[in-house]
PDB file of N, CA and C in Angstrom:
ATOM      1  N   MET A   1     100.478  79.491  99.405  1.00  0.00           N
ATOM      2  CA  MET A   1     101.485  78.310  99.717  1.00  0.00           C
ATOM      3  C   MET A   1     101.830  78.048  98.191  1.00  0.00           C
ATOM      4  N   PRO A   2     102.632  77.895  97.452  1.00  0.00           N
ATOM      5  CA  PRO A   2     103.343  77.274  96.470  1.00  0.00           C
ATOM      6  C   PRO A   2     102.149  75.796  95.778  1.00  0.00           C
ATOM      7  N   SER A   3     101.883  75.454  95.260  1.00  0.00           N
ATOM      8  CA  SER A   3     101.531  74.083  94.624  1.00  0.00           C
ATOM      9  C   SER A   3     102.687  72.877  95.050  1.00  0.00           C
ATOM     10  N   GLY A   4     101.781  72.215  96.235  1.00  0.00           N
ATOM     11  CA  GLY A   4     102.582  71.239  95.900  1.00  0.00           C
ATOM     12  C   GLY A   4     102.927  71.014  97.518  1.00  0.00           C
ATOM     13  N   SER A   5     102.906  72.230  98.248  1.00  0.00           N
ATOM     14  CA  SER A   5     103.615  72.311  99.671  1.00  0.00           C
ATOM     15  C   SER A   5     102.343  72.422 100.466  1.00  0.00           C
ATOM     16  N   SER A   6     101.159  71.555 100.088  1.00  0.00           N
ATOM     17  CA  SER A   6     100.054  71.972 101.343  1.00  0.00           C
ATOM     18  C   SER A   6      99.645  70.137 101.390  1.00  0.00           C
ATOM     19  N   SER A   7      99.031  70.135 102.255  1.00  0.00           N
ATOM     20  CA  SER A   7      98.610  68.620 102.583  1.00  0.00           C
ATOM     21  C   SER A   7      97.596  67.855 101.507  1.00  0.00           C
ATOM     22  N   PRO A   8      97.381  67.149 101.689  1.00  0.00           N
ATOM     23  CA  PRO A   8      96.264  66.339 100.141  1.00  0.00           C
ATOM     24  C   PRO A   8      94.422  66.852 101.089  1.00  0.00           C
ATOM     25  N   GLY A   9      93.800  67.353 100.471  1.00  0.00           N
ATOM     26  CA  GLY A   9      92.737  67.544 100.991  1.00  0.00           C
ATOM     27  C   GLY A   9      92.897  69.011 101.765  1.00  0.00           C
ATOM     28  N   GLN A  10      93.963  69.773 101.655  1.00  0.00           N
ATOM     29  CA  GLN A  10      93.835  70.905 102.660  1.00  0.00           C
ATOM     30  C   GLN A  10      93.689  72.312 101.574  1.00  0.00           C
ATOM     31  N   LEU A  11      93.027  73.221 101.865  1.00  0.00           N
ATOM     32  CA  LEU A  11      92.636  74.255 100.927  1.00  0.00           C
ATOM     33  C   LEU A  11      93.746  75.314 101.093  1.00  0.00           C
ATOM     34  N   THR A  12      94.302  75.902  99.816  1.00  0.00           N
ATOM     35  CA  THR A  12      95.604  76.667  99.215  1.00  0.00           C
ATOM     36  C   THR A  12      95.220  78.041  99.190  1.00  0.00           C
ATOM     37  N   LEU A  13      95.524  78.862  99.578  1.00  0.00           N
ATOM     38  CA  LEU A  13      95.263  80.061  98.549  1.00  0.00           C
ATOM     39  C   LEU A  13      97.037  80.750  98.538  1.00  0.00           C
ATOM     40  N   HIS A  14      96.948  80.967  97.188  1.00  0.00           N
ATOM     41  CA  HIS A  14      98.354  81.737  97.102  1.00  0.00           C
ATOM     42  C   HIS A  14      98.360  83.169  96.346  1.00  0.00           C
ATOM     43  N   ILE A  15      98.490  84.051  97.253  1.00  0.00           N
ATOM     44  CA  ILE A  15      98.562  85.528  96.547  1.00  0.00           C
ATOM     45  C   ILE A  15      99.891  85.988  96.090  1.00  0.00           C
ATOM     46  N   GLU A  16     100.157  86.490  94.940  1.00  0.00           N
ATOM     47  CA  GLU A  16     101.033  87.167  94.444  1.00  0.00           C
ATOM     48  C   GLU A  16     101.076  88.365  94.006  1.00  0.00           C
ATOM     49  N   ARG A  17     101.606  89.383  94.491  1.00  0.00           N
ATOM     50  CA  ARG A  17     101.529  90.987  93.945  1.00  0.00           C
ATOM     51  C   ARG A  17     102.695  91.385  93.799  1.00  0.00           C
ATOM     52  N   ARG A  18     103.077  91.983  92.868  1.00  0.00           N
ATOM     53  CA  ARG A  18     104.025  93.358  92.580  1.00  0.00           C
ATOM     54  C   ARG A  18     103.837  94.301  93.071  1.00  0.00           C
ATOM     55  N   LEU A  19     104.581  94.923  93.906  1.00  0.00           N
ATOM     56  CA  LEU A  19     104.512  96.368  94.608  1.00  0.00           C
ATOM     57  C   LEU A  19     105.392  97.511  93.721  1.00  0.00           C
ATOM     58  N   SER A  20     105.227  98.215  94.336  1.00  0.00           N
ATOM     59  CA  SER A  20     106.127  99.411  93.998  1.00  0.00           C
ATOM     60  C   SER A  20     106.924 100.016  95.400  1.00  0.00           C
ATOM     61  N   ALA A  21     107.478  99.273  95.746  1.00  0.00           N
ATOM     62  CA  ALA A  21     107.985  99.205  97.207  1.00  0.00           C
ATOM     63  C   ALA A  21     108.896  98.591  97.403  1.00  0.00           C
ATOM     64  N   PRO A  22     110.174  99.076  98.133  1.00  0.00           N
ATOM     65  CA  PRO A  22     111.549  97.817  98.295  1.00  0.00           C
ATOM     66  C   PRO A  22     110.990  96.443  98.818  1.00  0.00           C
ATOM     67  N   PRO A  23     111.293  95.454  98.819  1.00  0.00           N
ATOM     68  CA  PRO A  23     110.805  94.094 100.120  1.00  0.00           C
ATOM     69  C   PRO A  23     111.083  94.518 101.172  1.00  0.00           C
ATOM     70  N   ALA A  24     111.986  94.986 101.849  1.00  0.00           N
ATOM     71  CA  ALA A  24     112.017  95.277 103.179  1.00  0.00           C
ATOM     72  C   ALA A  24     110.789  95.964 103.803  1.00  0.00           C
ATOM     73  N   GLN A  25     110.379  97.101 103.196  1.00  0.00           N
ATOM     74  CA  GLN A  25     109.204  98.081 103.204  1.00  0.00           C
ATOM     75  C   GLN A  25     108.131  97.079 103.469  1.00  0.00           C
ATOM     76  N   VAL A  26     107.664  96.493 102.452  1.00  0.00           N
ATOM     77  CA  VAL A  26     106.624  95.576 102.313  1.00  0.00           C
ATOM     78  C   VAL A  26     106.748  94.815 103.669  1.00  0.00           C
ATOM     79  N   PHE A  27     107.824  94.186 103.850  1.00  0.00           N
ATOM     80  CA  PHE A  27     108.029  93.036 104.729  1.00  0.00           C
ATOM     81  C   PHE A  27     107.671  93.625 105.910  1.00  0.00           C
ATOM     82  N   ARG A  28     107.780  94.952 106.189  1.00  0.00           N
ATOM     83  CA  ARG A  28     107.550  95.521 107.759  1.00  0.00           C
ATOM     84  C   ARG A  28     106.198  95.865 107.873  1.00  0.00           C
ATOM     85  N   MET A  29     105.485  96.460 106.652  1.00  0.00           N
ATOM     86  CA  MET A  29     104.357  96.452 106.742  1.00  0.00           C
ATOM     87  C   MET A  29     103.533  95.098 106.895  1.00  0.00           C
ATOM     88  N   HIS A  30     103.732  93.802 106.916  1.00  0.00           N
ATOM     89  CA  HIS A  30     103.380  92.771 107.037  1.00  0.00           C
ATOM     90  C   HIS A  30     103.693  92.147 108.503  1.00  0.00           C
ATOM     91  N   SER A  31     105.027  92.655 109.120  1.00  0.00           N
ATOM     92  CA  SER A  31     105.074  91.652 110.141  1.00  0.00           C
ATOM     93  C   SER A  31     105.413  92.678 111.584  1.00  0.00           C
ATOM     94  N   GLU A  32     105.030  94.052 111.611  1.00  0.00           N
ATOM     95  CA  GLU A  32     105.067  94.830 112.574  1.00  0.00           C
ATOM     96  C   GLU A  32     103.580  95.396 112.984  1.00  0.00           C
ATOM     97  N   PRO A  33     102.985  95.053 114.106  1.00  0.00           N
ATOM     98  CA  PRO A  33     101.543  95.097 113.866  1.00  0.00           C
ATOM     99  C   PRO A  33     101.082  96.475 113.908  1.00  0.00           C
ATOM    100  N   ASP A  34     101.815  98.014 114.307  1.00  0.00           N
ATOM    101  CA  ASP A  34     101.134  98.977 114.167  1.00  0.00           C
ATOM    102  C   ASP A  34     100.851  99.182 112.642  1.00  0.00           C
ATOM    103  N   LEU A  35     102.229  98.689 111.995  1.00  0.00           N
ATOM    104  CA  LEU A  35     102.051  99.184 110.860  1.00  0.00           C
ATOM    105  C   LEU A  35     100.907  98.302 109.839  1.00  0.00           C
ATOM    106  N   PHE A  36     101.058  97.051 109.963  1.00  0.00           N
ATOM    107  CA  PHE A  36      99.722  95.908 109.708  1.00  0.00           C
ATOM    108  C   PHE A  36      98.524  96.767 109.768  1.00  0.00           C
ATOM    109  N   ALA A  37      98.235  97.048 111.358  1.00  0.00           N
ATOM    110  CA  ALA A  37      96.764  97.852 111.267  1.00  0.00           C
ATOM    111  C   ALA A  37      96.472  98.424 110.489  1.00  0.00           C
ATOM    112  N   GLN A  38      97.428  99.325 109.949  1.00  0.00           N
ATOM    113  CA  GLN A  38      96.933 101.019 109.115  1.00  0.00           C
ATOM    114  C   GLN A  38      96.355 100.239 107.644  1.00  0.00           C
ATOM    115  N   TRP A  39      96.640  99.012 107.243  1.00  0.00           N
ATOM    116  CA  TRP A  39      96.173  98.716 105.677  1.00  0.00           C
ATOM    117  C   TRP A  39      95.576  97.462 105.834  1.00  0.00           C
ATOM    118  N   TRP A  40      95.797  96.564 106.532  1.00  0.00           N
ATOM    119  CA  TRP A  40      94.769  95.051 106.774  1.00  0.00           C
ATOM    120  C   TRP A  40      93.385  95.392 106.294  1.00  0.00           C
ATOM    121  N   GLY A  41      92.784  94.753 105.686  1.00  0.00           N
ATOM    122  CA  GLY A  41      91.129  94.382 105.637  1.00  0.00           C
ATOM    123  C   GLY A  41      90.712  95.290 104.849  1.00  0.00           C
ATOM    124  N   PRO A  42      89.213  94.585 104.492  1.00  0.00           N
ATOM    125  CA  PRO A  42      88.567  95.528 103.400  1.00  0.00           C
ATOM    126  C   PRO A  42      88.430  97.044 103.347  1.00  0.00           C
ATOM    127  N   ASN A  43      87.616  98.034 103.175  1.00  0.00           N
ATOM    128  CA  ASN A  43      87.611  99.442 103.177  1.00  0.00           C
ATOM    129  C   ASN A  43      86.751  99.512 104.059  1.00  0.00           C
ATOM    130  N   GLY A  44      87.066 100.439 105.275  1.00  0.00           N
ATOM    131  CA  GLY A  44      86.128 100.635 106.244  1.00  0.00           C
ATOM    132  C   GLY A  44      85.954  99.783 107.525  1.00  0.00           C
ATOM    133  N   PHE A  45      86.967  98.764 107.358  1.00  0.00           N
ATOM    134  CA  PHE A  45      87.134  97.834 108.770  1.00  0.00           C
ATOM    135  C   PHE A  45      88.260  98.837 109.489  1.00  0.00           C
ATOM    136  N   SER A  46      88.208  98.307 110.743  1.00  0.00           N
ATOM    137  CA  SER A  46      89.426  98.798 111.430  1.00  0.00           C
ATOM    138  C   SER A  46      90.128  97.280 111.945  1.00  0.00           C
ATOM    139  N   VAL A  47      91.020  97.877 112.466  1.00  0.00           N
ATOM    140  CA  VAL A  47      92.437  96.423 112.885  1.00  0.00           C
ATOM    141  C   VAL A  47      92.415  97.241 114.468  1.00  0.00           C
ATOM    142  N   PRO A  48      91.681  97.040 115.520  1.00  0.00           N
ATOM    143  CA  PRO A  48      91.664  97.250 117.056  1.00  0.00           C
ATOM    144  C   PRO A  48      93.150  96.903 117.508  1.00  0.00           C
ATOM    145  N   SER A  49      93.142  95.625 117.146  1.00  0.00           N
ATOM    146  CA  SER A  49      94.647  94.923 117.867  1.00  0.00           C
ATOM    147  C   SER A  49      95.271  93.815 116.987  1.00  0.00           C
ATOM    148  N   ALA A  50      96.299  93.674 116.762  1.00  0.00           N
ATOM    149  CA  ALA A  50      97.193  92.710 115.755  1.00  0.00           C
ATOM    150  C   ALA A  50      98.509  92.477 116.476  1.00  0.00           C
ATOM    151  N   GLU A  51      98.496  90.991 117.055  1.00  0.00           N
ATOM    152  CA  GLU A  51      99.216  90.613 117.785  1.00  0.00           C
ATOM    153  C   GLU A  51     100.157  89.503 116.617  1.00  0.00           C
ATOM    154  N   LEU A  52     101.818  90.039 116.233  1.00  0.00           N
ATOM    155  CA  LEU A  52     102.048  89.079 115.114  1.00  0.00           C
ATOM    156  C   LEU A  52     103.191  88.519 115.794  1.00  0.00           C
ATOM    157  N   ASP A  53     103.726  87.373 116.195  1.00  0.00           N
ATOM    158  CA  ASP A  53     105.092  86.718 116.258  1.00  0.00           C
ATOM    159  C   ASP A  53     105.566  86.271 115.105  1.00  0.00           C
ATOM    160  N   VAL A  54     106.319  86.873 114.460  1.00  0.00           N
ATOM    161  CA  VAL A  54     106.828  86.771 113.158  1.00  0.00           C
ATOM    162  C   VAL A  54     108.048  85.703 113.270  1.00  0.00           C
ATOM    163  N   ARG A  55     107.978  84.081 113.192  1.00  0.00           N
ATOM    164  CA  ARG A  55     108.816  83.537 113.485  1.00  0.00           C
ATOM    165  C   ARG A  55     108.439  82.032 113.145  1.00  0.00           C
ATOM    166  N   VAL A  56     109.124  81.325 112.511  1.00  0.00           N
ATOM    167  CA  VAL A  56     108.488  79.826 112.444  1.00  0.00           C
ATOM    168  C   VAL A  56     108.082  79.121 113.651  1.00  0.00           C
ATOM    169  N   GLY A  57     106.837  79.021 113.145  1.00  0.00           N
ATOM    170  CA  GLY A  57     105.742  78.472 114.961  1.00  0.00           C
ATOM    171  C   GLY A  57     105.507  79.459 115.597  1.00  0.00           C
ATOM    172  N   GLY A  58     105.621  80.732 115.388  1.00  0.00           N
ATOM    173  CA  GLY A  58     104.603  81.831 115.823  1.00  0.00           C
ATOM    174  C   GLY A  58     103.521  81.884 115.524  1.00  0.00           C
ATOM    175  N   ARG A  59     102.559  82.541 116.307  1.00  0.00           N
ATOM    176  CA  ARG A  59     101.469  82.475 116.158  1.00  0.00           C
ATOM    177  C   ARG A  59     100.860  84.223 115.734  1.00  0.00           C
ATOM    178  N   TYR A  60      99.838  84.401 115.064  1.00  0.00           N
ATOM    179  CA  TYR A  60      99.249  85.826 115.301  1.00  0.00           C
ATOM    180  C   TYR A  60      97.792  85.504 115.443  1.00  0.00           C
ATOM    181  N   ARG A  61      97.351  86.524 115.760  1.00  0.00           N
ATOM    182  CA  ARG A  61      96.086  87.154 116.196  1.00  0.00           C
ATOM    183  C   ARG A  61      95.252  87.964 115.639  1.00  0.00           C
ATOM    184  N   ILE A  62      94.386  88.665 114.742  1.00  0.00           N
ATOM    185  CA  ILE A  62      94.283  89.941 114.429  1.00  0.00           C
ATOM    186  C   ILE A  62      92.581  90.503 114.621  1.00  0.00           C
ATOM    187  N   ALA A  63      92.074  91.447 115.525  1.00  0.00           N
ATOM    188  CA  ALA A  63      91.236  91.435 115.692  1.00  0.00           C
ATOM    189  C   ALA A  63      90.735  92.778 114.331  1.00  0.00           C
ATOM    190  N   MET A  64      89.334  92.022 113.853  1.00  0.00           N
ATOM    191  CA  MET A  64      88.764  92.908 113.005  1.00  0.00           C
ATOM    192  C   MET A  64      87.655  93.655 113.667  1.00  0.00           C
ATOM    193  N   GLN A  65      87.298  95.129 112.627  1.00  0.00           N
ATOM    194  CA  GLN A  65      85.800  95.491 112.969  1.00  0.00           C
ATOM    195  C   GLN A  65      85.204  96.027 112.008  1.00  0.00           C
ATOM    196  N   PRO A  66      84.412  95.421 111.363  1.00  0.00           N
ATOM    197  CA  PRO A  66      83.498  96.081 110.426  1.00  0.00           C
ATOM    198  C   PRO A  66      82.831  97.537 110.761  1.00  0.00           C
ATOM    199  N   PRO A  67      82.825  97.851 110.039  1.00  0.00           N
ATOM    200  CA  PRO A  67      81.802  99.772 110.011  1.00  0.00           C
ATOM    201  C   PRO A  67      80.242  99.254 110.786  1.00  0.00           C
ATOM    202  N   GLU A  68      79.865  98.686 110.576  1.00  0.00           N
ATOM    203  CA  GLU A  68      78.579  97.732 111.493  1.00  0.00           C
ATOM    204  C   GLU A  68      78.625  96.410 111.807  1.00  0.00           C
ATOM    205  N   GLY A  69      78.379  96.041 113.155  1.00  0.00           N
ATOM    206  CA  GLY A  69      78.880  94.653 113.329  1.00  0.00           C
ATOM    207  C   GLY A  69      79.583  94.508 114.436  1.00  0.00           C
ATOM    208  N   GLU A  70      79.645  93.339 115.162  1.00  0.00           N
ATOM    209  CA  GLU A  70      80.527  92.918 116.210  1.00  0.00           C
ATOM    210  C   GLU A  70      82.063  92.528 115.203  1.00  0.00           C
ATOM    211  N   ALA A  71      82.935  92.973 116.628  1.00  0.00           N
ATOM    212  CA  ALA A  71      84.577  92.482 115.973  1.00  0.00           C
ATOM    213  C   ALA A  71      84.697  91.377 115.686  1.00  0.00           C
ATOM    214  N   PHE A  72      85.261  90.871 114.928  1.00  0.00           N
ATOM    215  CA  PHE A  72      86.127  89.118 115.231  1.00  0.00           C
ATOM    216  C   PHE A  72      87.370  89.191 114.769  1.00  0.00           C
ATOM    217  N   SER A  73      87.891  87.901 115.281  1.00  0.00           N
ATOM    218  CA  SER A  73      89.608  87.669 115.391  1.00  0.00           C
ATOM    219  C   SER A  73      89.465  86.582 113.873  1.00  0.00           C
ATOM    220  N   LEU A  74      90.829  86.861 113.576  1.00  0.00           N
ATOM    221  CA  LEU A  74      91.620  85.533 112.587  1.00  0.00           C
ATOM    222  C   LEU A  74      92.770  85.469 113.316  1.00  0.00           C
ATOM    223  N   SER A  75      93.351  83.996 112.868  1.00  0.00           N
ATOM    224  CA  SER A  75      94.206  83.544 113.468  1.00  0.00           C
ATOM    225  C   SER A  75      95.080  82.545 112.952  1.00  0.00           C
ATOM    226  N   GLY A  76      96.421  82.373 113.359  1.00  0.00           N
ATOM    227  CA  GLY A  76      97.097  81.377 112.292  1.00  0.00           C
ATOM    228  C   GLY A  76      98.270  81.414 112.963  1.00  0.00           C
ATOM    229  N   GLU A  77      99.182  80.738 112.273  1.00  0.00           N
ATOM    230  CA  GLU A  77     100.767  80.528 112.603  1.00  0.00           C
ATOM    231  C   GLU A  77     101.290  80.689 111.077  1.00  0.00           C
ATOM    232  N   PHE A  78     102.763  81.024 111.504  1.00  0.00           N
ATOM    233  CA  PHE A  78     103.648  81.657 110.492  1.00  0.00           C
ATOM    234  C   PHE A  78     104.508  80.167 110.454  1.00  0.00           C
ATOM    235  N   ARG A  79     104.584  79.797 108.908  1.00  0.00           N
ATOM    236  CA  ARG A  79     105.193  78.852 108.577  1.00  0.00           C
ATOM    237  C   ARG A  79     106.359  78.901 107.831  1.00  0.00           C
ATOM    238  N   GLU A  80     106.456  79.711 107.176  1.00  0.00           N
ATOM    239  CA  GLU A  80     108.084  80.166 106.547  1.00  0.00           C
ATOM    240  C   GLU A  80     108.322  81.792 106.897  1.00  0.00           C
ATOM    241  N   VAL A  81     109.255  81.832 107.123  1.00  0.00           N
ATOM    242  CA  VAL A  81     109.659  83.706 107.272  1.00  0.00           C
ATOM    243  C   VAL A  81     111.439  83.670 106.664  1.00  0.00           C
ATOM    244  N   ASP A  82     111.144  84.364 105.759  1.00  0.00           N
ATOM    245  CA  ASP A  82     112.599  84.815 105.455  1.00  0.00           C
ATOM    246  C   ASP A  82     112.409  86.458 104.578  1.00  0.00           C
ATOM    247  N   PRO A  83     112.866  87.127 105.870  1.00  0.00           N
ATOM    248  CA  PRO A  83     112.789  88.633 105.511  1.00  0.00           C
ATOM    249  C   PRO A  83     114.236  89.073 104.372  1.00  0.00           C
ATOM    250  N   PRO A  84     113.653  89.654 103.791  1.00  0.00           N
ATOM    251  CA  PRO A  84     112.104  90.120 103.379  1.00  0.00           C
ATOM    252  C   PRO A  84     111.404  89.830 102.161  1.00  0.00           C
ATOM    253  N   ASP A  85     111.683  88.474 101.680  1.00  0.00           N
ATOM    254  CA  ASP A  85     111.303  88.296 100.809  1.00  0.00           C
ATOM    255  C   ASP A  85     110.191  87.028 100.711  1.00  0.00           C
ATOM    256  N   ARG A  86     109.804  86.625 101.845  1.00  0.00           N
ATOM    257  CA  ARG A  86     108.507  85.043 102.044  1.00  0.00           C
ATOM    258  C   ARG A  86     108.328  85.240 103.384  1.00  0.00           C
ATOM    259  N   LEU A  87     107.217  85.275 103.404  1.00  0.00           N
ATOM    260  CA  LEU A  87     106.140  84.818 104.639  1.00  0.00           C
ATOM    261  C   LEU A  87     105.088  84.185 104.020  1.00  0.00           C
ATOM    262  N   VAL A  88     104.950  83.084 104.715  1.00  0.00           N
ATOM    263  CA  VAL A  88     103.553  81.760 104.645  1.00  0.00           C
ATOM    264  C   VAL A  88     103.379  81.158 105.971  1.00  0.00           C
ATOM    265  N   TYR A  89     102.054  81.487 106.123  1.00  0.00           N
ATOM    266  CA  TYR A  89     101.105  81.377 107.238  1.00  0.00           C
ATOM    267  C   TYR A  89     100.013  80.720 106.892  1.00  0.00           C
ATOM    268  N   THR A  90      99.358  80.080 108.352  1.00  0.00           N
ATOM    269  CA  THR A  90      98.133  79.499 107.693  1.00  0.00           C
ATOM    270  C   THR A  90      97.052  80.849 108.141  1.00  0.00           C
ATOM    271  N   PHE A  91      95.590  80.562 107.828  1.00  0.00           N
ATOM    272  CA  PHE A  91      94.788  81.389 108.150  1.00  0.00           C
ATOM    273  C   PHE A  91      93.504  81.007 108.454  1.00  0.00           C
TER     274      PHE A  91
END
């Protein structure tokens, strides 16, 4: 989230990176579960399932499997969806 858009006392992480790909392709890689599962997570981790309801107020749930150990899930809510330029979500 950009500076100033979070609530007081709330942690915010803003990640920005320039990629050599068209914005529409990058957005698809973040919003289509099958594509998302191909790249998400640290090296060696897999994504057994990814549920992405990419709309304002929609939720996501990502199951991650480390190379050793039990699978765990991450979840959150999409706050801003402006294809293909912007995707803001809680974590």
